[in-house]
PDB file of N, CA and C in Angstrom:
ATOM      1  N   UNK A   1     -18.260  14.902  23.525  1.00  0.00           N
ATOM      2  CA  UNK A   1     -16.893  15.300  23.783  1.00  0.00           C
ATOM      3  C   UNK A   1     -16.002  14.805  22.637  1.00  0.00           C
ATOM      4  N   UNK A   2     -15.068  15.647  22.236  1.00  0.00           N
ATOM      5  CA  UNK A   2     -14.178  15.315  21.122  1.00  0.00           C
ATOM      6  C   UNK A   2     -13.230  14.195  21.506  1.00  0.00           C
ATOM      7  N   UNK A   3     -13.063  13.279  20.598  1.00  0.00           N
ATOM      8  CA  UNK A   3     -12.134  12.169  20.796  1.00  0.00           C
ATOM      9  C   UNK A   3     -10.709  12.674  20.555  1.00  0.00           C
ATOM     10  N   UNK A   4      -9.786  12.156  21.315  1.00  0.00           N
ATOM     11  CA  UNK A   4      -8.383  12.523  21.123  1.00  0.00           C
ATOM     12  C   UNK A   4      -7.796  11.649  20.015  1.00  0.00           C
ATOM     13  N   UNK A   5      -7.222  12.292  19.032  1.00  0.00           N
ATOM     14  CA  UNK A   5      -6.610  11.585  17.913  1.00  0.00           C
ATOM     15  C   UNK A   5      -5.206  12.142  17.747  1.00  0.00           C
ATOM     16  N   UNK A   6      -4.220  11.266  17.783  1.00  0.00           N
ATOM     17  CA  UNK A   6      -2.830  11.719  17.681  1.00  0.00           C
ATOM     18  C   UNK A   6      -2.432  11.960  16.229  1.00  0.00           C
ATOM     19  N   UNK A   7      -1.352  12.710  16.079  1.00  0.00           N
ATOM     20  CA  UNK A   7      -0.778  12.964  14.764  1.00  0.00           C
ATOM     21  C   UNK A   7      -0.445  11.646  14.064  1.00  0.00           C
ATOM     22  N   UNK A   8       0.178  10.714  14.805  1.00  0.00           N
ATOM     23  CA  UNK A   8       0.532   9.418  14.218  1.00  0.00           C
ATOM     24  C   UNK A   8      -0.701   8.660  13.756  1.00  0.00           C
ATOM     25  N   UNK A   9      -1.793   8.735  14.513  1.00  0.00           N
ATOM     26  CA  UNK A   9      -3.022   8.040  14.109  1.00  0.00           C
ATOM     27  C   UNK A   9      -3.572   8.613  12.810  1.00  0.00           C
ATOM     28  N   UNK A  10      -3.494   9.926  12.679  1.00  0.00           N
ATOM     29  CA  UNK A  10      -3.977  10.556  11.448  1.00  0.00           C
ATOM     30  C   UNK A  10      -3.099  10.145  10.265  1.00  0.00           C
ATOM     31  N   UNK A  11      -1.792  10.149  10.463  1.00  0.00           N
ATOM     32  CA  UNK A  11      -0.887   9.735   9.386  1.00  0.00           C
ATOM     33  C   UNK A  11      -1.113   8.262   9.041  1.00  0.00           C
ATOM     34  N   UNK A  12      -1.306   7.418  10.034  1.00  0.00           N
ATOM     35  CA  UNK A  12      -1.585   5.999   9.765  1.00  0.00           C
ATOM     36  C   UNK A  12      -2.868   5.840   8.967  1.00  0.00           C
ATOM     37  N   UNK A  13      -3.870   6.676   9.244  1.00  0.00           N
ATOM     38  CA  UNK A  13      -5.132   6.627   8.494  1.00  0.00           C
ATOM     39  C   UNK A  13      -4.893   7.044   7.043  1.00  0.00           C
ATOM     40  N   UNK A  14      -4.057   8.077   6.849  1.00  0.00           N
ATOM     41  CA  UNK A  14      -3.706   8.486   5.487  1.00  0.00           C
ATOM     42  C   UNK A  14      -2.996   7.352   4.751  1.00  0.00           C
ATOM     43  N   UNK A  15      -2.055   6.707   5.423  1.00  0.00           N
ATOM     44  CA  UNK A  15      -1.320   5.594   4.809  1.00  0.00           C
ATOM     45  C   UNK A  15      -2.248   4.433   4.479  1.00  0.00           C
ATOM     46  N   UNK A  16      -3.221   4.176   5.336  1.00  0.00           N
ATOM     47  CA  UNK A  16      -4.179   3.084   5.084  1.00  0.00           C
ATOM     48  C   UNK A  16      -5.029   3.371   3.846  1.00  0.00           C
ATOM     49  N   UNK A  17      -5.290   4.649   3.592  1.00  0.00           N
ATOM     50  CA  UNK A  17      -6.099   5.035   2.435  1.00  0.00           C
ATOM     51  C   UNK A  17      -5.261   5.147   1.162  1.00  0.00           C
ATOM     52  N   UNK A  18      -3.966   4.993   1.310  1.00  0.00           N
ATOM     53  CA  UNK A  18      -3.030   5.192   0.211  1.00  0.00           C
ATOM     54  C   UNK A  18      -2.470   3.863  -0.288  1.00  0.00           C
ATOM     55  N   UNK A  19      -2.062   3.862  -1.542  1.00  0.00           N
ATOM     56  CA  UNK A  19      -1.358   2.705  -2.091  1.00  0.00           C
ATOM     57  C   UNK A  19       0.157   2.902  -2.009  1.00  0.00           C
ATOM     58  N   UNK A  20       0.575   4.022  -1.449  1.00  0.00           N
ATOM     59  CA  UNK A  20       2.002   4.334  -1.350  1.00  0.00           C
ATOM     60  C   UNK A  20       2.694   3.346  -0.434  1.00  0.00           C
ATOM     61  N   UNK A  21       3.957   3.137  -0.683  1.00  0.00           N
ATOM     62  CA  UNK A  21       4.750   2.201   0.121  1.00  0.00           C
ATOM     63  C   UNK A  21       5.528   2.925   1.217  1.00  0.00           C
ATOM     64  N   UNK A  22       4.999   4.044   1.692  1.00  0.00           N
ATOM     65  CA  UNK A  22       5.652   4.801   2.748  1.00  0.00           C
ATOM     66  C   UNK A  22       5.307   4.220   4.119  1.00  0.00           C
ATOM     67  N   UNK A  23       6.170   4.500   5.079  1.00  0.00           N
ATOM     68  CA  UNK A  23       5.899   4.135   6.466  1.00  0.00           C
ATOM     69  C   UNK A  23       5.633   5.424   7.238  1.00  0.00           C
ATOM     70  N   UNK A  24       5.186   5.275   8.458  1.00  0.00           N
ATOM     71  CA  UNK A  24       4.926   6.415   9.320  1.00  0.00           C
ATOM     72  C   UNK A  24       6.150   7.327   9.396  1.00  0.00           C
ATOM     73  N   UNK A  25       7.304   6.720   9.532  1.00  0.00           N
ATOM     74  CA  UNK A  25       8.548   7.491   9.643  1.00  0.00           C
ATOM     75  C   UNK A  25       8.909   8.206   8.341  1.00  0.00           C
ATOM     76  N   UNK A  26       8.386   7.736   7.236  1.00  0.00           N
ATOM     77  CA  UNK A  26       8.692   8.325   5.936  1.00  0.00           C
ATOM     78  C   UNK A  26       7.788   9.481   5.556  1.00  0.00           C
ATOM     79  N   UNK A  27       6.841   9.811   6.423  1.00  0.00           N
ATOM     80  CA  UNK A  27       5.900  10.891   6.140  1.00  0.00           C
ATOM     81  C   UNK A  27       6.299  12.123   6.947  1.00  0.00           C
ATOM     82  N   UNK A  28       6.415  13.261   6.253  1.00  0.00           N
ATOM     83  CA  UNK A  28       6.749  14.532   6.916  1.00  0.00           C
ATOM     84  C   UNK A  28       5.682  15.570   6.556  1.00  0.00           C
ATOM     85  N   UNK A  29       5.822  16.748   7.116  1.00  0.00           N
ATOM     86  CA  UNK A  29       4.887  17.827   6.785  1.00  0.00           C
ATOM     87  C   UNK A  29       4.925  18.165   5.305  1.00  0.00           C
ATOM     88  N   UNK A  30       6.054  17.923   4.659  1.00  0.00           N
ATOM     89  CA  UNK A  30       6.201  18.240   3.234  1.00  0.00           C
ATOM     90  C   UNK A  30       5.649  17.153   2.311  1.00  0.00           C
ATOM     91  N   UNK A  31       5.237  16.031   2.859  1.00  0.00           N
ATOM     92  CA  UNK A  31       4.707  14.936   2.043  1.00  0.00           C
ATOM     93  C   UNK A  31       3.427  15.390   1.340  1.00  0.00           C
ATOM     94  N   UNK A  32       3.399  15.251   0.023  1.00  0.00           N
ATOM     95  CA  UNK A  32       2.235  15.633  -0.778  1.00  0.00           C
ATOM     96  C   UNK A  32       1.159  14.553  -0.679  1.00  0.00           C
ATOM     97  N   UNK A  33      -0.055  14.993  -0.385  1.00  0.00           N
ATOM     98  CA  UNK A  33      -1.155  14.023  -0.304  1.00  0.00           C
ATOM     99  C   UNK A  33      -1.411  13.394  -1.664  1.00  0.00           C
ATOM    100  N   UNK A  34      -1.404  14.202  -2.688  1.00  0.00           N
ATOM    101  CA  UNK A  34      -1.742  13.698  -4.023  1.00  0.00           C
ATOM    102  C   UNK A  34      -0.568  12.957  -4.672  1.00  0.00           C
ATOM    103  N   UNK A  35       0.603  13.557  -4.675  1.00  0.00           N
ATOM    104  CA  UNK A  35       1.735  12.971  -5.402  1.00  0.00           C
ATOM    105  C   UNK A  35       2.438  11.848  -4.633  1.00  0.00           C
ATOM    106  N   UNK A  36       2.659  12.043  -3.341  1.00  0.00           N
ATOM    107  CA  UNK A  36       3.390  11.038  -2.570  1.00  0.00           C
ATOM    108  C   UNK A  36       2.490   9.933  -2.014  1.00  0.00           C
ATOM    109  N   UNK A  37       1.273  10.318  -1.613  1.00  0.00           N
ATOM    110  CA  UNK A  37       0.365   9.339  -0.995  1.00  0.00           C
ATOM    111  C   UNK A  37      -0.759   8.901  -1.916  1.00  0.00           C
ATOM    112  N   UNK A  38      -0.893   9.547  -3.078  1.00  0.00           N
ATOM    113  CA  UNK A  38      -1.951   9.214  -4.045  1.00  0.00           C
ATOM    114  C   UNK A  38      -3.341   9.302  -3.409  1.00  0.00           C
ATOM    115  N   UNK A  39      -3.538  10.359  -2.601  1.00  0.00           N
ATOM    116  CA  UNK A  39      -4.839  10.598  -1.967  1.00  0.00           C
ATOM    117  C   UNK A  39      -5.658  11.457  -2.923  1.00  0.00           C
ATOM    118  N   UNK A  40      -6.773  10.935  -3.388  1.00  0.00           N
ATOM    119  CA  UNK A  40      -7.642  11.686  -4.296  1.00  0.00           C
ATOM    120  C   UNK A  40      -8.480  12.687  -3.501  1.00  0.00           C
ATOM    121  N   UNK A  41      -9.114  13.598  -4.208  1.00  0.00           N
ATOM    122  CA  UNK A  41      -9.996  14.575  -3.568  1.00  0.00           C
ATOM    123  C   UNK A  41     -11.118  13.876  -2.810  1.00  0.00           C
ATOM    124  N   UNK A  42     -11.657  12.824  -3.390  1.00  0.00           N
ATOM    125  CA  UNK A  42     -12.746  12.088  -2.744  1.00  0.00           C
ATOM    126  C   UNK A  42     -12.277  11.437  -1.438  1.00  0.00           C
ATOM    127  N   UNK A  43     -11.109  10.840  -1.460  1.00  0.00           N
ATOM    128  CA  UNK A  43     -10.566  10.225  -0.242  1.00  0.00           C
ATOM    129  C   UNK A  43     -10.309  11.309   0.800  1.00  0.00           C
ATOM    130  N   UNK A  44      -9.788  12.458   0.384  1.00  0.00           N
ATOM    131  CA  UNK A  44      -9.524  13.543   1.325  1.00  0.00           C
ATOM    132  C   UNK A  44     -10.822  14.041   1.961  1.00  0.00           C
ATOM    133  N   UNK A  45     -11.869  14.147   1.183  1.00  0.00           N
ATOM    134  CA  UNK A  45     -13.169  14.561   1.721  1.00  0.00           C
ATOM    135  C   UNK A  45     -13.650  13.553   2.754  1.00  0.00           C
ATOM    136  N   UNK A  46     -13.517  12.274   2.451  1.00  0.00           N
ATOM    137  CA  UNK A  46     -13.923  11.218   3.384  1.00  0.00           C
ATOM    138  C   UNK A  46     -13.120  11.285   4.674  1.00  0.00           C
ATOM    139  N   UNK A  47     -11.798  11.453   4.548  1.00  0.00           N
ATOM    140  CA  UNK A  47     -10.943  11.549   5.732  1.00  0.00           C
ATOM    141  C   UNK A  47     -11.273  12.794   6.543  1.00  0.00           C
ATOM    142  N   UNK A  48     -11.521  13.914   5.869  1.00  0.00           N
ATOM    143  CA  UNK A  48     -11.868  15.152   6.572  1.00  0.00           C
ATOM    144  C   UNK A  48     -13.172  14.989   7.340  1.00  0.00           C
ATOM    145  N   UNK A  49     -14.133  14.304   6.747  1.00  0.00           N
ATOM    146  CA  UNK A  49     -15.401  14.054   7.426  1.00  0.00           C
ATOM    147  C   UNK A  49     -15.193  13.213   8.680  1.00  0.00           C
ATOM    148  N   UNK A  50     -14.355  12.191   8.586  1.00  0.00           N
ATOM    149  CA  UNK A  50     -14.028  11.367   9.757  1.00  0.00           C
ATOM    150  C   UNK A  50     -13.389  12.217  10.852  1.00  0.00           C
ATOM    151  N   UNK A  51     -12.442  13.064  10.470  1.00  0.00           N
ATOM    152  CA  UNK A  51     -11.765  13.918  11.446  1.00  0.00           C
ATOM    153  C   UNK A  51     -12.728  14.917  12.074  1.00  0.00           C
ATOM    154  N   UNK A  52     -13.612  15.468  11.270  1.00  0.00           N
ATOM    155  CA  UNK A  52     -14.602  16.415  11.805  1.00  0.00           C
ATOM    156  C   UNK A  52     -15.458  15.751  12.876  1.00  0.00           C
ATOM    157  N   UNK A  53     -15.877  14.522  12.628  1.00  0.00           N
ATOM    158  CA  UNK A  53     -16.708  13.801  13.594  1.00  0.00           C
ATOM    159  C   UNK A  53     -15.921  13.453  14.857  1.00  0.00           C
ATOM    160  N   UNK A  54     -14.714  12.928  14.685  1.00  0.00           N
ATOM    161  CA  UNK A  54     -13.913  12.508  15.836  1.00  0.00           C
ATOM    162  C   UNK A  54     -13.448  13.679  16.683  1.00  0.00           C
ATOM    163  N   UNK A  55     -13.064  14.773  16.022  1.00  0.00           N
ATOM    164  CA  UNK A  55     -12.474  15.907  16.727  1.00  0.00           C
ATOM    165  C   UNK A  55     -13.482  17.017  17.019  1.00  0.00           C
ATOM    166  N   UNK A  56     -14.704  16.842  16.518  1.00  0.00           N
ATOM    167  CA  UNK A  56     -15.767  17.837  16.658  1.00  0.00           C
ATOM    168  C   UNK A  56     -15.291  19.208  16.178  1.00  0.00           C
ATOM    169  N   UNK A  57     -14.804  19.219  14.942  1.00  0.00           N
ATOM    170  CA  UNK A  57     -14.364  20.449  14.294  1.00  0.00           C
ATOM    171  C   UNK A  57     -15.105  20.586  12.976  1.00  0.00           C
ATOM    172  N   UNK A  58     -14.909  21.733  12.337  1.00  0.00           N
ATOM    173  CA  UNK A  58     -15.506  21.955  11.020  1.00  0.00           C
ATOM    174  C   UNK A  58     -14.418  22.455  10.080  1.00  0.00           C
ATOM    175  N   UNK A  59     -14.180  21.706   9.026  1.00  0.00           N
ATOM    176  CA  UNK A  59     -13.235  22.105   7.993  1.00  0.00           C
ATOM    177  C   UNK A  59     -14.063  22.547   6.795  1.00  0.00           C
ATOM    178  N   UNK A  60     -14.009  23.848   6.481  1.00  0.00           N
ATOM    179  CA  UNK A  60     -14.852  24.297   5.380  1.00  0.00           C
ATOM    180  C   UNK A  60     -14.257  23.888   4.027  1.00  0.00           C
ATOM    181  N   UNK A  61     -15.089  23.934   3.033  1.00  0.00           N
ATOM    182  CA  UNK A  61     -14.703  23.447   1.699  1.00  0.00           C
ATOM    183  C   UNK A  61     -13.526  24.215   1.109  1.00  0.00           C
ATOM    184  N   UNK A  62     -13.468  25.531   1.361  1.00  0.00           N
ATOM    185  CA  UNK A  62     -12.341  26.315   0.836  1.00  0.00           C
ATOM    186  C   UNK A  62     -11.030  25.862   1.452  1.00  0.00           C
ATOM    187  N   UNK A  63     -11.035  25.638   2.773  1.00  0.00           N
ATOM    188  CA  UNK A  63      -9.825  25.156   3.447  1.00  0.00           C
ATOM    189  C   UNK A  63      -9.438  23.781   2.910  1.00  0.00           C
ATOM    190  N   UNK A  64     -10.415  22.919   2.764  1.00  0.00           N
ATOM    191  CA  UNK A  64     -10.168  21.565   2.286  1.00  0.00           C
ATOM    192  C   UNK A  64      -9.535  21.580   0.897  1.00  0.00           C
ATOM    193  N   UNK A  65      -9.990  22.474   0.045  1.00  0.00           N
ATOM    194  CA  UNK A  65      -9.465  22.526  -1.323  1.00  0.00           C
ATOM    195  C   UNK A  65      -8.016  23.020  -1.371  1.00  0.00           C
ATOM    196  N   UNK A  66      -7.554  23.708  -0.314  1.00  0.00           N
ATOM    197  CA  UNK A  66      -6.183  24.217  -0.288  1.00  0.00           C
ATOM    198  C   UNK A  66      -5.194  23.242   0.345  1.00  0.00           C
ATOM    199  N   UNK A  67      -5.666  22.144   0.883  1.00  0.00           N
ATOM    200  CA  UNK A  67      -4.775  21.179   1.529  1.00  0.00           C
ATOM    201  C   UNK A  67      -4.017  20.402   0.451  1.00  0.00           C
ATOM    202  N   UNK A  68      -2.693  20.568   0.447  1.00  0.00           N
ATOM    203  CA  UNK A  68      -1.839  19.884  -0.523  1.00  0.00           C
ATOM    204  C   UNK A  68      -0.883  18.897   0.132  1.00  0.00           C
ATOM    205  N   UNK A  69      -0.468  19.206   1.362  1.00  0.00           N
ATOM    206  CA  UNK A  69       0.536  18.393   2.049  1.00  0.00           C
ATOM    207  C   UNK A  69       0.024  17.937   3.413  1.00  0.00           C
ATOM    208  N   UNK A  70       0.749  17.027   4.017  1.00  0.00           N
ATOM    209  CA  UNK A  70       0.415  16.571   5.365  1.00  0.00           C
ATOM    210  C   UNK A  70       0.461  17.763   6.331  1.00  0.00           C
ATOM    211  N   UNK A  71       1.449  18.624   6.169  1.00  0.00           N
ATOM    212  CA  UNK A  71       1.544  19.811   7.014  1.00  0.00           C
ATOM    213  C   UNK A  71       0.330  20.719   6.866  1.00  0.00           C
ATOM    214  N   UNK A  72      -0.145  20.901   5.633  1.00  0.00           N
ATOM    215  CA  UNK A  72      -1.360  21.694   5.400  1.00  0.00           C
ATOM    216  C   UNK A  72      -2.534  21.098   6.163  1.00  0.00           C
ATOM    217  N   UNK A  73      -2.651  19.781   6.136  1.00  0.00           N
ATOM    218  CA  UNK A  73      -3.744  19.110   6.828  1.00  0.00           C
ATOM    219  C   UNK A  73      -3.694  19.395   8.323  1.00  0.00           C
ATOM    220  N   UNK A  74      -2.518  19.266   8.925  1.00  0.00           N
ATOM    221  CA  UNK A  74      -2.403  19.504  10.365  1.00  0.00           C
ATOM    222  C   UNK A  74      -2.615  20.971  10.724  1.00  0.00           C
ATOM    223  N   UNK A  75      -2.171  21.897   9.889  1.00  0.00           N
ATOM    224  CA  UNK A  75      -2.425  23.315  10.140  1.00  0.00           C
ATOM    225  C   UNK A  75      -3.922  23.614  10.066  1.00  0.00           C
ATOM    226  N   UNK A  76      -4.612  22.984   9.122  1.00  0.00           N
ATOM    227  CA  UNK A  76      -6.053  23.179   8.986  1.00  0.00           C
ATOM    228  C   UNK A  76      -6.787  22.609  10.196  1.00  0.00           C
ATOM    229  N   UNK A  77      -6.365  21.442  10.669  1.00  0.00           N
ATOM    230  CA  UNK A  77      -6.981  20.850  11.863  1.00  0.00           C
ATOM    231  C   UNK A  77      -6.795  21.783  13.057  1.00  0.00           C
ATOM    232  N   UNK A  78      -5.591  22.296  13.243  1.00  0.00           N
ATOM    233  CA  UNK A  78      -5.324  23.196  14.378  1.00  0.00           C
ATOM    234  C   UNK A  78      -6.147  24.477  14.278  1.00  0.00           C
ATOM    235  N   UNK A  79      -6.234  25.029  13.084  1.00  0.00           N
ATOM    236  CA  UNK A  79      -7.030  26.241  12.874  1.00  0.00           C
ATOM    237  C   UNK A  79      -8.500  25.968  13.202  1.00  0.00           C
ATOM    238  N   UNK A  80      -9.012  24.822  12.785  1.00  0.00           N
ATOM    239  CA  UNK A  80     -10.405  24.457  13.056  1.00  0.00           C
ATOM    240  C   UNK A  80     -10.634  24.223  14.546  1.00  0.00           C
ATOM    241  N   UNK A  81      -9.651  23.613  15.225  1.00  0.00           N
ATOM    242  CA  UNK A  81      -9.761  23.404  16.677  1.00  0.00           C
ATOM    243  C   UNK A  81      -9.847  24.740  17.411  1.00  0.00           C
ATOM    244  N   UNK A  82      -9.004  25.687  17.014  1.00  0.00           N
ATOM    245  CA  UNK A  82      -9.014  27.003  17.676  1.00  0.00           C
ATOM    246  C   UNK A  82     -10.344  27.707  17.470  1.00  0.00           C
ATOM    247  N   UNK A  83     -10.894  27.600  16.261  1.00  0.00           N
ATOM    248  CA  UNK A  83     -12.194  28.228  15.959  1.00  0.00           C
ATOM    249  C   UNK A  83     -13.316  27.628  16.786  1.00  0.00           C
ATOM    250  N   UNK A  84     -13.233  26.322  17.046  1.00  0.00           N
ATOM    251  CA  UNK A  84     -14.349  25.648  17.725  1.00  0.00           C
ATOM    252  C   UNK A  84     -14.271  25.722  19.247  1.00  0.00           C
ATOM    253  N   UNK A  85     -13.237  26.351  19.772  1.00  0.00           N
ATOM    254  CA  UNK A  85     -13.119  26.460  21.232  1.00  0.00           C
ATOM    255  C   UNK A  85     -13.951  27.583  21.763  1.00  0.00           C
TER     256      UNK A  85
END
């Protein structure tokens, strides 16, 4: 059964992987993973793998490569959830 993971938990995980000095409240859908959070492609792949396991979803490589912002990440998660239902 898929584990429930909140939006805030996902953002906190992004912040933990980042050297950025942002807080949870400072992150919006427009926040850039690369420029604002300094999330590398490798870190994003690792985080996506964690989310796939916890949420029992599949994020394909093409979708992953198009994720630029926090909002993109959440839209991709929702799209993957709908596909897996």
